[in-house]
Protein backbone atom coordinates (compact mmCIF):
# COMPACT_ATOMS: atom_id res chain seq x y z
CA MET A 1 40.52 4.88 114.10
CA LYS A 2 39.65 3.27 110.77
CA ILE A 3 36.08 2.72 111.95
CA LYS A 4 35.74 6.39 112.95
CA ILE A 5 37.09 7.59 109.59
CA PHE A 6 34.77 5.19 107.73
CA SER A 7 31.77 6.38 109.75
CA THR A 8 32.61 10.01 109.03
CA PHE A 9 32.94 9.23 105.32
CA VAL A 10 29.56 7.46 105.26
CA LEU A 11 27.91 10.38 107.10
CA ILE A 12 29.35 12.94 104.65
CA SER A 13 28.24 10.80 101.70
CA ILE A 14 24.69 10.56 103.02
CA VAL A 15 24.48 14.30 103.67
CA SER A 16 25.89 15.06 100.22
CA PHE A 17 23.45 12.67 98.57
CA LEU A 18 20.48 14.18 100.38
CA GLY A 19 21.69 17.64 99.46
CA ILE A 20 21.92 16.69 95.78
CA GLN A 21 18.50 15.09 95.90
CA ASN A 22 17.05 18.24 97.45
CA ILE A 23 18.65 20.44 94.78
CA GLN A 24 17.35 18.17 92.02
CA ALA A 25 13.86 18.27 93.51
CA GLN A 26 13.92 22.08 93.49
CA MET A 27 15.49 22.56 90.07
CA PRO A 28 12.34 22.10 87.94
CA ALA A 29 10.68 25.02 89.74
CA GLU A 30 13.43 27.29 88.40
CA TRP A 31 12.81 26.30 84.79
CA PRO A 32 10.40 28.31 82.61
CA PRO A 33 6.90 27.37 83.79
CA GLU A 34 5.63 27.58 80.23
CA PHE A 35 6.95 24.07 79.53
CA ILE A 36 5.19 22.38 82.45
CA GLY A 37 1.85 20.88 81.42
CA VAL A 38 0.30 18.92 78.58
CA TRP A 39 1.45 19.31 74.98
CA LYS A 40 -0.47 18.21 71.91
CA VAL A 41 1.98 17.38 69.15
CA LYS A 42 0.60 16.92 65.67
CA ARG A 43 1.77 16.56 62.11
CA GLU A 44 -0.51 17.49 59.20
CA GLY A 45 -2.76 14.58 58.27
CA SER A 46 -2.05 12.56 61.42
CA ASP A 47 -3.81 11.99 64.73
CA PRO A 48 -2.27 14.04 67.56
CA ARG A 49 -0.22 12.59 70.38
CA TYR A 50 0.34 14.06 73.83
CA ILE A 51 3.31 14.67 76.11
CA VAL A 52 2.77 15.44 79.81
CA LEU A 53 5.60 17.34 81.54
CA ARG A 54 5.24 17.40 85.32
CA GLN A 55 6.69 19.81 87.88
CA ASP A 56 8.90 17.03 89.33
CA ALA A 57 10.68 16.62 85.95
CA THR A 58 8.97 13.32 85.14
CA CYS A 59 6.84 12.83 82.04
CA ARG A 60 4.55 10.52 80.08
CA THR A 61 3.46 10.31 76.47
CA THR A 62 0.72 8.72 74.41
CA PHE A 63 3.36 7.92 71.78
CA ASN A 64 4.19 4.98 74.07
CA ILE A 65 2.01 4.67 77.17
CA ALA A 66 4.22 1.89 78.50
CA THR A 67 7.22 4.19 78.94
CA ARG A 68 8.10 7.03 81.31
CA GLY A 69 10.71 9.73 81.01
CA LYS A 70 12.68 12.59 82.56
CA TRP A 71 12.94 16.11 81.21
CA GLN A 72 15.19 19.08 81.77
CA TYR A 73 15.49 22.59 80.42
CA ASP A 74 18.66 23.68 78.63
CA PRO A 75 19.06 27.45 79.20
CA ASP A 76 21.84 27.70 76.60
CA GLN A 77 19.83 26.15 73.78
CA LYS A 78 16.55 27.46 75.24
CA GLU A 79 14.95 24.08 74.72
CA THR A 80 13.45 21.26 76.75
CA ARG A 81 15.06 17.85 76.31
CA ILE A 82 13.04 14.74 77.15
CA ASN A 83 14.74 11.37 77.64
CA TRP A 84 12.39 8.37 77.46
CA GLU A 85 12.90 4.91 78.96
CA ASP A 86 12.61 3.32 75.51
CA GLY A 87 15.64 5.27 74.27
CA TRP A 88 13.85 7.97 72.29
CA THR A 89 14.62 11.65 72.87
CA ASP A 90 12.26 14.59 72.27
CA ILE A 91 13.21 18.23 71.94
CA LEU A 92 10.52 20.84 72.69
CA ILE A 93 11.52 24.29 71.49
CA LYS A 94 9.98 27.64 70.57
CA GLN A 95 10.86 28.81 67.07
CA ASP A 96 9.53 31.91 65.32
CA GLY A 97 6.84 32.32 67.97
CA ARG A 98 5.60 28.72 67.68
CA TYR A 99 6.48 25.55 69.55
CA LYS A 100 7.95 22.53 67.77
CA ASN A 101 8.63 18.97 68.89
CA TYR A 102 11.49 17.00 67.34
CA GLY A 103 11.85 13.28 67.98
CA TYR A 104 15.11 11.32 67.83
CA SER A 105 15.25 7.53 67.73
CA PRO A 106 17.62 5.61 70.07
CA SER A 107 20.21 5.36 67.27
CA GLU A 108 20.20 9.11 66.54
CA GLY A 109 22.17 11.91 68.16
CA PRO A 110 21.29 15.60 68.66
CA ASN A 111 23.30 16.53 65.55
CA ASP A 112 21.36 14.10 63.35
CA LYS A 113 18.24 14.94 61.39
CA PRO A 114 15.28 14.28 63.72
CA LYS A 115 13.16 11.22 62.96
CA THR A 116 9.91 13.09 63.52
CA LYS A 117 8.83 16.74 63.39
CA PHE A 118 5.59 17.99 64.93
CA ASN A 119 3.87 21.24 65.73
CA ALA A 120 3.29 21.56 69.48
CA LEU A 121 0.42 23.25 71.30
CA LYS A 122 -0.27 23.40 75.03
CA VAL A 123 -3.69 22.11 76.10
CA ASP A 124 -5.71 22.06 79.33
CA LEU A 125 -6.56 18.36 79.79
CA ASN A 126 -4.42 15.39 80.79
CA PRO A 127 -5.16 12.62 78.24
CA PHE A 128 -4.30 9.90 80.76
CA ASN A 129 -7.48 10.82 82.66
CA TYR A 130 -9.51 9.90 79.58
CA LEU A 131 -7.81 6.94 77.87
CA GLY A 132 -9.71 3.68 78.22
CA VAL A 133 -13.30 2.47 78.11
CA TRP A 134 -16.22 4.70 79.06
CA ARG A 135 -19.69 3.47 79.95
CA ILE A 136 -22.41 5.69 78.55
CA THR A 137 -25.98 5.51 79.89
CA GLY A 138 -28.27 6.02 76.93
CA ALA A 139 -31.71 7.63 76.88
CA ASP A 140 -33.16 4.11 76.68
CA GLY A 141 -31.47 3.16 79.96
CA LYS A 142 -29.07 0.79 78.21
CA PHE A 143 -25.29 0.90 78.66
CA TYR A 144 -23.03 1.66 75.72
CA GLN A 145 -19.26 1.96 75.43
CA VAL A 146 -16.87 4.52 74.02
CA THR A 147 -13.20 3.55 73.86
CA LEU A 148 -10.39 6.12 73.55
CA ASN A 149 -7.05 4.64 72.47
CA ALA A 150 -3.59 6.13 72.94
CA ASP A 151 -3.03 6.31 69.17
CA GLY A 152 -5.83 8.86 68.82
CA THR A 153 -8.47 6.44 67.55
CA ALA A 154 -11.88 5.79 69.11
CA SER A 155 -14.69 3.27 68.81
CA THR A 156 -18.25 2.91 70.10
CA ASP A 157 -21.23 0.56 69.95
CA MET A 158 -23.67 3.46 70.30
CA TYR A 159 -23.99 3.94 66.55
CA GLY A 160 -23.42 0.43 65.25
CA ASN A 161 -19.71 -0.19 65.94
CA GLN A 162 -18.63 3.21 64.69
CA LYS A 163 -14.92 4.09 64.41
CA GLY A 164 -13.47 7.54 64.93
CA ASP A 165 -10.63 9.79 66.07
CA TRP A 166 -10.31 11.91 69.20
CA GLU A 167 -8.29 14.90 70.35
CA ILE A 168 -8.29 17.55 73.06
CA LYS A 169 -10.01 20.75 71.97
CA GLY A 170 -10.93 23.67 74.18
CA GLY A 171 -11.13 21.77 77.47
CA LYS A 172 -13.09 18.88 75.93
CA ILE A 173 -12.38 15.52 74.37
CA SER A 174 -13.66 15.91 70.82
CA ILE A 175 -14.51 12.67 69.00
CA ASP A 176 -14.93 12.73 65.23
CA TRP A 177 -16.90 9.69 64.07
CA ARG A 178 -15.47 9.97 60.55
CA GLY A 179 -18.31 11.64 58.75
CA ALA A 180 -20.99 10.47 61.17
CA GLY A 181 -20.97 13.49 63.49
CA ASN A 182 -19.05 14.51 66.60
CA ASP A 183 -19.32 13.77 70.31
CA PHE A 184 -17.70 15.62 73.20
CA LEU A 185 -16.61 14.07 76.49
CA VAL A 186 -16.84 16.81 79.11
CA LYS A 187 -16.15 17.08 82.82
CA GLN A 188 -18.81 19.15 84.57
CA LYS A 189 -18.01 21.60 87.38
CA SER A 190 -19.57 19.07 89.77
CA GLY A 191 -16.91 16.53 88.75
CA VAL A 192 -19.38 14.38 86.83
CA TYR A 193 -18.59 13.41 83.24
CA LYS A 194 -21.05 13.75 80.37
CA LEU A 195 -21.06 12.74 76.72
CA GLN A 196 -22.52 15.50 74.58
CA THR A 197 -23.59 14.22 71.19
CA SER A 198 -23.69 15.96 67.86
CA THR A 199 -24.43 12.98 65.66
CA SER A 200 -27.43 14.10 63.60
CA THR A 201 -26.01 12.41 60.52
CA VAL A 202 -26.11 9.05 62.29
CA LYS A 203 -29.41 7.20 62.00
CA GLY A 204 -31.32 7.89 65.20
CA GLY A 205 -28.78 10.46 66.34
CA ASP A 206 -29.75 13.49 68.38
CA SER A 207 -27.73 16.66 67.82
CA SER A 208 -28.37 17.96 71.34
CA ALA A 209 -28.42 14.89 73.59
CA THR A 210 -26.31 14.61 76.75
CA PHE A 211 -25.63 11.30 78.50
CA PRO A 212 -23.93 10.33 81.80
CA ALA A 213 -20.42 8.93 81.27
CA GLN A 214 -18.14 6.94 83.57
CA ARG A 215 -14.69 5.53 82.83
CA ILE A 216 -14.74 1.84 83.74
CA LYS A 217 -11.38 0.75 82.32
CA ALA A 218 -8.07 2.58 82.02
CA PHE A 219 -4.73 1.88 80.37
CA LEU A 220 -2.10 1.17 83.03
CA LYS A 221 1.68 1.14 82.63
CA GLY A 222 2.53 -1.47 80.06
CA GLY A 223 -0.58 -0.67 78.06
CA ILE A 224 -2.74 -3.09 80.03
CA LEU A 225 -6.44 -2.29 79.99
CA ALA A 226 -7.67 -2.75 83.54
CA THR A 227 -10.75 -1.95 85.62
CA VAL A 228 -10.67 1.50 87.21
CA ILE A 229 -10.17 1.04 90.95
CA ASN A 230 -10.77 4.66 91.90
CA SER A 231 -11.54 7.89 90.12
CA LYS A 232 -8.44 9.78 91.22
CA GLU A 233 -6.97 11.75 88.34
CA GLU A 234 -3.37 12.38 87.42
CA GLU A 235 -2.08 15.87 88.04
């Protein structure tokens, strides 16, 4: 009798658990779709960072590429709350027609003054498909490298170890070489990547050159720079 009761209890528990899991899997679809996607968060005078909110309620951020998170929408506060593995919490909210991102450290609560305040703007590209080292085939047939770091900085040996900053603009990765021109990393309709240069102020630069580009190293979880095994992109 005890065995039968125990078996029934286990069966009910399993069914309940699966039911909860199914509800949780469907819940994100009921939240406002405007929050799902990639957000560029930026403070005046600083390089932008990015937060990726997925349909399955998981998320990533270039603030800390080693961490993952979960997000949920609060219909009462009309805000999206993001809980990160490292203990930080982000609030994404629309105020006066514009989106804002507030960051709270692990020691802060929702009633405390946020540690960080950023403007937030939705963009079209996933930064995690671009972070890492890119091999550029120059007009001379030689290979050069462009590195895009999670902190928004960039570097290249194309123009004599030039340093720069990158951000997502209008469906492109825009790289500002700090007074030495701009380059754009673009994905063609064919799926091939190209580096479009606009570096006329750099000695030997061509303001209209386009070069083949291929990502050869990517930043994996933990911030480890590793060789790209396949070209599959994150959704």
